[in-house]
Amino acid sequence: MTLNLKTVINDKYYPLLSNHDRYLLLYGGAGSGKSHFAAQKLLVRIIMSMKRGYKEKFLVLRKTQPAVKKSVFALLKHYIEQWELGGITAINKTDMTFTFEGGSEVICGGLDDPEKLKSIEGVTSVWLEEPTELVREDFLQADLRLRGETPSYKQIIFTFNPISWTSWLHSHFFESTQESSHICHSTYKDNRFLDREYVKVLESLKDQDETYYQIYCQGLWGILQDLIFTNWKSEYIPTDDQYYDSILNGLDFGFNHPSALLRVGLKDNELYIFDELYERGLTNNQLIPLVKAKVPSSQVITADSAEPARIEEFKQAGVKIKPSIKGAGSVKADIDWVKRHKIHVHPRCVNTIKELSGYKYKKDKNGNTIDEPVPFNDDAMAALRYSIEELVKSTPKAQIVYDAMDILGW
């Protein structure tokens, strides 16, 4: 391998290639490259193990299996291709495993299937992506996998944003000193590969919301207040369309920020978010087949009206899709309607859960809460609002707002 690692790994993380502590916590702001370095470190360790004649077995985990496939599995695959390691790597997309020449393995999985994890032996290290999604017992279960004699050092890598100091991570690792642990704090300024557009988005948080700025830009522990939705819970719910009285589909277009599709069931006047699509960097040619695979051709999708050209492409591809109605008062009307209904979210919809957990109202310059959401990490929330738009319009109070918008041409 002729790759110069110093040219592809950020300076902040490069010294951590040789860190052997059992617990390596990579935390901080958005866009700081934490997850990218975790993937890079695992691959470097595998390459070194090949050279030294022994095997590694890594577990890469998130809360749910679907979330793993779109994040850590895709990220590892990206670096295997970029570093031209395909010739020594067998990739099983179904099982989400990587097997390397010499016998080393990377096994990606979700903590929603703990019995599967219990059968895996000989693990040398674990990478926990987004451990704020987990409970303390999930971490302890992963920690128990690191046992027995192995030729390599054992380590658990954590990669996360410090969303709330009430998290078990804060009490376990930050309020008391854990033996054999190393904590690395980083921000977007430590990532020389970050695009300038995303830097502007992060820095703009300073003028939009102090707490978001503290967490996502400065990478400091915070606690989110003034949350918009508190009427929801995560639980295992039916994923069969036939279970529900009706099915609602909402789509928010994105590219640099994620495209988000939510599938929502309505039953007994309660909302059930049972599936999501949430992915960055998708053109319509890539997005359309993914949407078709999730939404039956007979069902209508309500999509972001700000993208008429993209909506037209979907129509030409045979998708039943219509533009959302936007205008003054529509966001508030949608939010008010959702707040009056119970929301059930399947645990596999990890991005929706993350957005629901952090969707909050703005504050004005005097620190007073105003009736408007902070426009950050809200792609799934936009998809949710689009999905229920027809239901909102059918309520008398909201109908007045939408009728006025129609009259004014909004």
Protein backbone atom coordinates (compact mmCIF):
# COMPACT_ATOMS: atom_id res chain seq x y z
CA MET A 1 0.00 0.00 0.00
CA THR A 2 1.57 3.27 -1.17
CA LEU A 3 -1.01 5.61 0.36
CA ASN A 4 0.43 8.46 2.45
CA LEU A 5 -1.88 8.46 5.48
CA LYS A 6 -0.95 12.00 6.49
CA THR A 7 -2.53 13.28 3.29
CA VAL A 8 -5.90 11.59 3.90
CA ILE A 9 -6.28 11.77 7.70
CA ASN A 10 -6.88 15.03 9.53
CA ASP A 11 -4.05 16.24 11.76
CA LYS A 12 -6.33 16.19 14.80
CA TYR A 13 -6.79 12.45 14.53
CA TYR A 14 -3.52 11.21 13.05
CA PRO A 15 -1.80 10.65 16.45
CA LEU A 16 -4.80 8.54 17.54
CA LEU A 17 -3.83 5.82 15.06
CA SER A 18 -1.47 4.60 17.78
CA ASN A 19 -3.90 5.06 20.68
CA HIS A 20 -4.50 1.73 22.47
CA ASP A 21 -6.87 2.82 25.27
CA ARG A 22 -9.88 0.56 25.71
CA TYR A 23 -12.29 3.49 25.31
CA LEU A 24 -11.62 6.11 22.62
CA LEU A 25 -14.29 8.81 22.59
CA LEU A 26 -14.40 11.00 19.50
CA TYR A 27 -16.97 13.69 20.22
CA GLY A 28 -17.65 17.24 19.12
CA GLY A 29 -19.40 19.31 16.51
CA ALA A 30 -20.99 18.33 13.22
CA GLY A 31 -18.70 17.92 10.23
CA SER A 32 -15.53 17.37 12.29
CA GLY A 33 -14.67 14.07 10.57
CA LYS A 34 -15.10 11.81 13.61
CA SER A 35 -16.79 8.94 11.81
CA HIS A 36 -14.45 9.19 8.84
CA PHE A 37 -11.45 8.77 11.11
CA ALA A 38 -13.03 5.78 12.90
CA ALA A 39 -13.45 4.03 9.54
CA GLN A 40 -9.91 4.96 8.54
CA LYS A 41 -8.44 3.64 11.79
CA LEU A 42 -10.14 0.26 11.44
CA LEU A 43 -8.79 -0.15 7.91
CA VAL A 44 -5.28 0.89 8.94
CA ARG A 45 -5.34 -1.67 11.76
CA ILE A 46 -6.41 -4.38 9.31
CA ILE A 47 -3.61 -3.50 6.91
CA MET A 48 -1.07 -3.60 9.76
CA SER A 49 -2.43 -6.93 11.00
CA MET A 50 -1.95 -8.41 7.53
CA LYS A 51 1.66 -7.26 7.59
CA ARG A 52 2.22 -8.76 11.05
CA GLY A 53 0.44 -12.04 10.32
CA TYR A 54 -2.58 -11.94 12.61
CA LYS A 55 -6.31 -11.35 12.26
CA GLU A 56 -8.65 -8.62 13.45
CA LYS A 57 -12.38 -8.94 14.04
CA PHE A 58 -14.20 -5.63 14.35
CA LEU A 59 -17.84 -4.99 15.24
CA VAL A 60 -19.33 -1.77 13.87
CA LEU A 61 -22.65 -0.98 15.53
CA ARG A 62 -25.56 1.45 15.57
CA LYS A 63 -28.97 1.21 17.18
CA THR A 64 -30.68 -0.42 14.20
CA GLN A 65 -29.69 -2.51 11.19
CA PRO A 66 -31.13 -0.15 8.51
CA ALA A 67 -29.22 2.81 9.99
CA VAL A 68 -25.96 0.84 9.78
CA LYS A 69 -26.31 0.15 6.07
CA LYS A 70 -26.74 3.82 5.12
CA SER A 71 -23.98 5.12 7.39
CA VAL A 72 -21.03 3.10 8.67
CA PHE A 73 -21.26 0.27 6.13
CA ALA A 74 -21.37 2.79 3.29
CA LEU A 75 -18.50 4.79 4.81
CA LEU A 76 -16.23 1.74 5.13
CA LYS A 77 -17.06 0.73 1.56
CA HIS A 78 -16.20 4.25 0.42
CA TYR A 79 -12.70 4.10 1.92
CA ILE A 80 -12.06 0.58 0.66
CA GLU A 81 -12.77 1.87 -2.85
CA GLN A 82 -10.90 5.16 -2.39
CA TRP A 83 -7.83 3.43 -0.94
CA GLU A 84 -7.97 0.76 -3.68
CA LEU A 85 -8.33 -2.14 -1.25
CA GLY A 86 -10.98 -3.91 -3.34
CA GLY A 87 -8.51 -6.50 -4.54
CA ILE A 88 -7.95 -7.82 -1.01
CA THR A 89 -11.53 -7.37 0.25
CA ALA A 90 -14.68 -9.47 -0.15
CA ILE A 91 -17.83 -7.42 0.53
CA ASN A 92 -21.10 -9.09 1.48
CA LYS A 93 -23.80 -6.44 1.11
CA THR A 94 -26.54 -8.70 2.48
CA ASP A 95 -24.76 -9.55 5.74
CA MET A 96 -22.91 -6.19 5.77
CA THR A 97 -19.51 -7.80 6.31
CA PHE A 98 -16.04 -7.20 4.93
CA THR A 99 -13.56 -10.09 4.79
CA PHE A 100 -9.93 -9.26 4.04
CA GLU A 101 -7.02 -11.24 2.71
CA GLY A 102 -5.40 -12.86 5.72
CA GLY A 103 -8.71 -13.49 7.49
CA SER A 104 -9.55 -10.17 9.18
CA GLU A 105 -13.24 -9.23 9.33
CA VAL A 106 -15.46 -6.22 9.86
CA ILE A 107 -19.02 -7.07 10.86
CA CYS A 108 -21.61 -4.26 10.71
CA GLY A 109 -24.84 -4.68 12.62
CA GLY A 110 -27.62 -3.19 14.67
CA LEU A 111 -28.16 -3.45 18.39
CA ASP A 112 -31.81 -4.22 17.61
CA ASP A 113 -30.66 -7.84 17.20
CA PRO A 114 -28.71 -8.50 20.43
CA GLU A 115 -28.94 -12.31 20.15
CA LYS A 116 -26.92 -12.20 16.92
CA LEU A 117 -24.19 -10.21 18.68
CA LYS A 118 -23.96 -12.67 21.56
CA SER A 119 -22.89 -15.44 19.15
CA ILE A 120 -19.91 -13.47 17.81
CA GLU A 121 -16.61 -14.38 19.47
CA GLY A 122 -13.01 -13.24 19.14
CA VAL A 123 -13.84 -9.54 18.71
CA THR A 124 -10.77 -7.31 18.92
CA SER A 125 -12.50 -3.92 18.74
CA VAL A 126 -15.91 -2.23 18.47
CA TRP A 127 -16.99 1.02 16.83
CA LEU A 128 -20.20 2.53 18.25
CA GLU A 129 -21.57 5.13 15.85
CA GLU A 130 -24.08 7.60 17.33
CA PRO A 131 -24.04 6.08 20.84
CA THR A 132 -26.43 8.82 21.98
CA GLU A 133 -29.08 6.65 20.28
CA LEU A 134 -28.20 3.84 22.69
CA VAL A 135 -28.90 3.14 26.33
CA ARG A 136 -26.23 2.24 28.84
CA GLU A 137 -27.15 -1.47 28.60
CA ASP A 138 -26.36 -1.44 24.86
CA PHE A 139 -22.87 -0.21 25.62
CA LEU A 140 -22.37 -2.81 28.34
CA GLN A 141 -23.45 -5.55 25.93
CA ALA A 142 -20.89 -4.35 23.38
CA ASP A 143 -18.21 -4.07 26.08
CA LEU A 144 -18.80 -7.71 27.03
CA ARG A 145 -17.86 -8.78 23.49
CA LEU A 146 -14.26 -7.65 24.14
CA ARG A 147 -12.94 -10.61 26.10
CA GLY A 148 -10.35 -13.35 25.84
CA GLU A 149 -6.83 -13.33 24.48
CA THR A 150 -6.29 -11.70 21.11
CA PRO A 151 -3.06 -10.75 19.29
CA SER A 152 -4.23 -7.14 18.99
CA TYR A 153 -5.33 -4.53 21.52
CA LYS A 154 -9.02 -4.20 22.36
CA GLN A 155 -10.77 -0.87 21.90
CA ILE A 156 -14.25 0.64 21.70
CA ILE A 157 -14.46 3.78 19.53
CA PHE A 158 -17.37 6.16 20.14
CA THR A 159 -18.34 8.82 17.55
CA PHE A 160 -21.05 11.32 18.48
CA ASN A 161 -22.31 14.88 18.92
CA PRO A 162 -22.75 15.94 22.59
CA ILE A 163 -26.48 16.59 22.25
CA SER A 164 -27.40 16.55 25.94
CA TRP A 165 -25.42 16.38 29.16
CA THR A 166 -28.24 14.20 30.55
CA SER A 167 -26.95 11.37 28.31
CA TRP A 168 -25.48 8.26 29.97
CA LEU A 169 -22.28 9.00 28.03
CA HIS A 170 -21.77 12.21 29.97
CA SER A 171 -22.30 10.64 33.37
CA HIS A 172 -20.22 7.54 32.56
CA PHE A 173 -17.18 9.09 30.88
CA PHE A 174 -17.19 12.83 31.56
CA GLU A 175 -18.34 13.15 35.15
CA SER A 176 -15.85 10.56 36.38
CA THR A 177 -12.53 9.33 35.06
CA GLN A 178 -12.67 5.90 33.48
CA GLU A 179 -9.56 3.78 33.50
CA SER A 180 -7.94 3.36 30.07
CA SER A 181 -10.02 5.96 28.27
CA HIS A 182 -9.09 8.81 25.95
CA ILE A 183 -11.40 11.68 24.99
CA CYS A 184 -10.84 13.68 21.81
CA HIS A 185 -12.90 16.84 21.21
CA SER A 186 -13.14 18.24 17.68
CA THR A 187 -15.07 20.77 15.60
CA TYR A 188 -15.52 21.50 11.91
CA LYS A 189 -12.32 23.57 12.09
CA ASP A 190 -10.37 20.33 12.57
CA ASN A 191 -11.63 18.91 9.26
CA ARG A 192 -9.67 20.24 6.33
CA PHE A 193 -11.78 18.18 3.90
CA LEU A 194 -15.10 19.83 4.81
CA ASP A 195 -16.83 21.77 2.03
CA ARG A 196 -17.22 25.52 2.47
CA GLU A 197 -20.99 25.45 2.00
CA TYR A 198 -21.47 23.25 5.08
CA VAL A 199 -19.10 25.47 7.05
CA LYS A 200 -21.39 28.43 6.31
CA VAL A 201 -24.41 26.43 7.47
CA LEU A 202 -22.73 25.62 10.78
CA GLU A 203 -21.45 29.14 11.40
CA SER A 204 -24.89 30.58 10.62
CA LEU A 205 -26.22 28.79 13.71
CA LYS A 206 -24.68 31.54 15.82
CA ASP A 207 -27.39 33.92 14.60
CA GLN A 208 -30.18 31.33 14.72
CA ASP A 209 -29.93 29.38 17.97
CA GLU A 210 -27.33 29.53 20.74
CA THR A 211 -27.85 25.93 21.88
CA TYR A 212 -27.54 24.50 18.37
CA TYR A 213 -24.43 26.64 17.86
CA GLN A 214 -22.94 25.31 21.10
CA ILE A 215 -23.61 21.66 20.23
CA TYR A 216 -23.12 21.43 16.48
CA CYS A 217 -20.61 24.19 15.80
CA GLN A 218 -18.54 24.32 19.00
CA GLY A 219 -19.04 20.66 19.86
CA LEU A 220 -19.89 21.36 23.51
CA TRP A 221 -22.32 19.54 25.76
CA GLY A 222 -25.71 21.19 25.85
CA ILE A 223 -29.30 20.46 26.61
CA LEU A 224 -32.08 21.14 24.16
CA GLN A 225 -35.00 23.19 25.41
CA ASP A 226 -38.14 24.58 23.78
CA LEU A 227 -38.66 21.33 21.89
CA ILE A 228 -41.54 21.44 19.42
CA PHE A 229 -42.68 17.84 19.66
CA THR A 230 -42.90 15.98 22.97
CA ASN A 231 -45.94 13.89 21.97
CA TRP A 232 -43.96 10.98 20.50
CA LYS A 233 -42.28 7.76 21.51
CA SER A 234 -40.08 5.19 19.82
CA GLU A 235 -41.46 1.66 19.81
CA TYR A 236 -41.79 -1.34 17.55
CA ILE A 237 -44.91 -0.81 15.45
CA PRO A 238 -46.39 -2.67 12.45
CA THR A 239 -44.64 -2.01 9.13
CA ASP A 240 -47.37 -3.50 6.95
CA ASP A 241 -49.45 -0.93 5.05
CA GLN A 242 -52.57 -3.05 5.56
CA TYR A 243 -52.50 -2.47 9.33
CA TYR A 244 -53.30 1.24 8.98
CA ASP A 245 -56.47 3.12 8.08
CA SER A 246 -54.52 5.11 5.51
CA ILE A 247 -50.90 5.68 4.42
CA LEU A 248 -49.30 9.12 4.04
CA ASN A 249 -46.00 9.76 2.22
CA GLY A 250 -43.92 12.95 2.44
CA LEU A 251 -40.72 13.77 0.55
CA ASP A 252 -38.25 16.59 1.16
CA PHE A 253 -35.67 17.00 -1.61
CA GLY A 254 -32.00 17.52 -0.82
CA PHE A 255 -28.49 16.96 -2.08
CA ASN A 256 -25.94 18.58 0.21
CA HIS A 257 -28.47 18.10 2.99
CA PRO A 258 -30.40 14.79 3.00
CA SER A 259 -33.34 13.87 0.86
CA ALA A 260 -35.92 12.59 3.34
CA LEU A 261 -38.90 10.34 2.66
CA LEU A 262 -41.25 9.38 5.48
CA ARG A 263 -43.95 6.73 5.35
CA VAL A 264 -46.64 7.44 7.89
CA GLY A 265 -49.58 5.30 8.89
CA LEU A 266 -52.78 6.80 10.30
CA LYS A 267 -54.80 4.65 12.69
CA ASP A 268 -57.39 5.72 15.24
CA ASN A 269 -56.32 9.35 14.65
CA GLU A 270 -52.72 8.63 15.70
CA LEU A 271 -49.59 8.85 13.54
CA TYR A 272 -47.23 5.90 13.03
CA ILE A 273 -43.91 6.69 11.33
CA PHE A 274 -42.81 3.22 10.25
CA ASP A 275 -40.23 3.78 7.51
CA GLU A 276 -37.79 6.40 6.29
CA LEU A 277 -35.34 7.13 3.52
CA TYR A 278 -32.68 9.63 4.55
CA GLU A 279 -29.60 10.11 2.40
CA ARG A 280 -27.32 12.87 1.11
CA GLY A 281 -25.85 13.31 -2.34
CA LEU A 282 -28.69 11.74 -4.34
CA THR A 283 -29.62 12.96 -7.79
CA ASN A 284 -33.11 12.22 -9.09
CA ASN A 285 -31.75 9.26 -11.09
CA GLN A 286 -30.55 7.74 -7.80
CA LEU A 287 -33.46 8.86 -5.64
CA ILE A 288 -36.37 7.77 -7.83
CA PRO A 289 -35.65 3.99 -7.71
CA LEU A 290 -35.12 4.17 -3.94
CA VAL A 291 -38.48 5.89 -3.50
CA LYS A 292 -40.19 3.43 -5.84
CA ALA A 293 -38.81 0.54 -3.79
CA LYS A 294 -40.47 1.92 -0.65
CA VAL A 295 -43.74 3.44 -1.88
CA PRO A 296 -46.31 1.37 -3.84
CA SER A 297 -47.12 2.86 -7.24
CA SER A 298 -50.76 3.32 -6.23
CA GLN A 299 -49.91 5.71 -3.39
CA VAL A 300 -49.44 9.48 -3.65
CA ILE A 301 -46.37 11.31 -2.36
CA THR A 302 -46.54 14.94 -1.26
CA ALA A 303 -43.19 16.59 -2.00
CA ASP A 304 -41.36 19.86 -1.53
CA SER A 305 -42.98 22.36 -3.93
CA ALA A 306 -39.76 24.39 -4.10
CA GLU A 307 -38.40 21.76 -6.53
CA PRO A 308 -40.93 21.68 -9.43
CA ALA A 309 -38.37 20.31 -11.92
CA ARG A 310 -37.59 17.36 -9.66
CA ILE A 311 -41.29 16.70 -9.12
CA GLU A 312 -41.81 16.64 -12.90
CA GLU A 313 -39.02 14.07 -13.30
CA PHE A 314 -40.72 11.86 -10.71
CA LYS A 315 -44.01 12.14 -12.64
CA GLN A 316 -42.28 11.17 -15.89
CA ALA A 317 -40.85 8.15 -14.09
CA GLY A 318 -44.35 6.99 -13.21
CA VAL A 319 -44.47 8.15 -9.59
CA LYS A 320 -47.73 9.58 -8.22
CA ILE A 321 -46.46 12.81 -6.72
CA LYS A 322 -47.83 16.26 -6.03
CA PRO A 323 -46.31 19.51 -4.72
CA SER A 324 -46.87 20.63 -1.17
CA ILE A 325 -48.60 23.93 -0.44
CA LYS A 326 -46.33 26.48 1.19
CA GLY A 327 -46.85 30.00 2.40
CA ALA A 328 -47.26 32.22 5.42
CA GLY A 329 -48.82 30.28 8.26
CA SER A 330 -48.55 26.81 6.67
CA VAL A 331 -45.62 25.61 8.79
CA LYS A 332 -47.33 26.69 12.01
CA ALA A 333 -50.62 25.09 10.92
CA ASP A 334 -48.86 21.80 10.15
CA ILE A 335 -46.92 21.80 13.43
CA ASP A 336 -49.99 22.65 15.48
CA TRP A 337 -51.88 19.75 13.89
CA VAL A 338 -49.07 17.26 14.56
CA LYS A 339 -48.76 18.42 18.18
CA ARG A 340 -52.41 17.46 18.76
CA HIS A 341 -51.84 13.82 17.75
CA LYS A 342 -49.85 11.00 19.30
CA ILE A 343 -46.81 9.96 17.26
CA HIS A 344 -45.33 6.45 17.27
CA VAL A 345 -41.93 5.99 15.60
CA HIS A 346 -40.34 2.69 14.65
CA PRO A 347 -36.78 2.42 16.10
CA ARG A 348 -35.37 1.81 12.64
CA CYS A 349 -36.27 5.42 11.73
CA VAL A 350 -33.17 6.69 13.54
CA ASN A 351 -32.87 9.96 11.61
CA THR A 352 -36.51 10.85 12.27
CA ILE A 353 -35.98 10.11 15.96
CA LYS A 354 -32.87 12.28 16.01
CA GLU A 355 -34.71 15.18 14.39
CA LEU A 356 -37.74 14.82 16.67
CA SER A 357 -35.37 14.87 19.65
CA GLY A 358 -33.82 18.15 18.54
CA TYR A 359 -36.56 20.01 16.64
CA LYS A 360 -36.95 23.21 18.60
CA TYR A 361 -38.33 26.73 18.50
CA LYS A 362 -36.21 29.78 17.76
CA LYS A 363 -35.40 32.52 20.24
CA ASP A 364 -35.32 36.20 19.35
CA LYS A 365 -32.43 38.54 20.11
CA ASN A 366 -33.81 39.07 23.61
CA GLY A 367 -33.89 35.36 24.37
CA ASN A 368 -37.67 35.01 24.03
CA THR A 369 -39.04 31.88 22.38
CA ILE A 370 -40.85 32.57 19.11
CA ASP A 371 -43.37 30.43 17.25
CA GLU A 372 -40.96 29.35 14.50
CA PRO A 373 -38.65 26.30 14.24
CA VAL A 374 -34.88 26.55 13.90
CA PRO A 375 -34.09 25.67 10.25
CA PHE A 376 -31.41 23.06 10.97
CA ASN A 377 -31.54 19.25 10.91
CA ASP A 378 -35.18 19.43 9.87
CA ASP A 379 -35.39 17.39 6.65
CA ALA A 380 -37.43 14.54 8.13
CA MET A 381 -39.61 17.10 9.90
CA ALA A 382 -40.34 18.77 6.56
CA ALA A 383 -41.25 15.37 5.08
CA LEU A 384 -43.55 14.75 8.05
CA ARG A 385 -45.32 18.07 7.51
CA TYR A 386 -45.78 17.38 3.79
CA SER A 387 -47.20 13.92 4.51
CA ILE A 388 -50.02 15.21 6.73
CA GLU A 389 -50.85 18.31 4.68
CA GLU A 390 -54.20 17.03 3.37
CA LEU A 391 -55.26 16.09 6.90
CA VAL A 392 -54.35 19.56 8.13
CA LYS A 393 -56.34 21.24 5.38
CA SER A 394 -59.43 19.30 6.42
CA THR A 395 -59.50 20.93 9.87
CA PRO A 396 -61.58 24.16 10.01
CA LYS A 397 -58.91 26.38 11.55
CA ALA A 398 -56.20 25.31 9.14
CA GLN A 399 -58.60 25.51 6.19
CA ILE A 400 -58.87 29.26 6.73
CA VAL A 401 -55.09 29.59 6.47
CA TYR A 402 -54.83 27.44 3.34
CA ASP A 403 -57.82 29.13 1.66
CA ALA A 404 -56.18 32.51 2.24
CA MET A 405 -52.95 31.19 0.73
CA ASP A 406 -54.84 29.96 -2.36
CA ILE A 407 -56.57 33.35 -2.79
CA LEU A 408 -53.27 35.22 -2.50
CA GLY A 409 -51.51 32.81 -4.85
CA TRP A 410 -49.02 31.53 -2.30
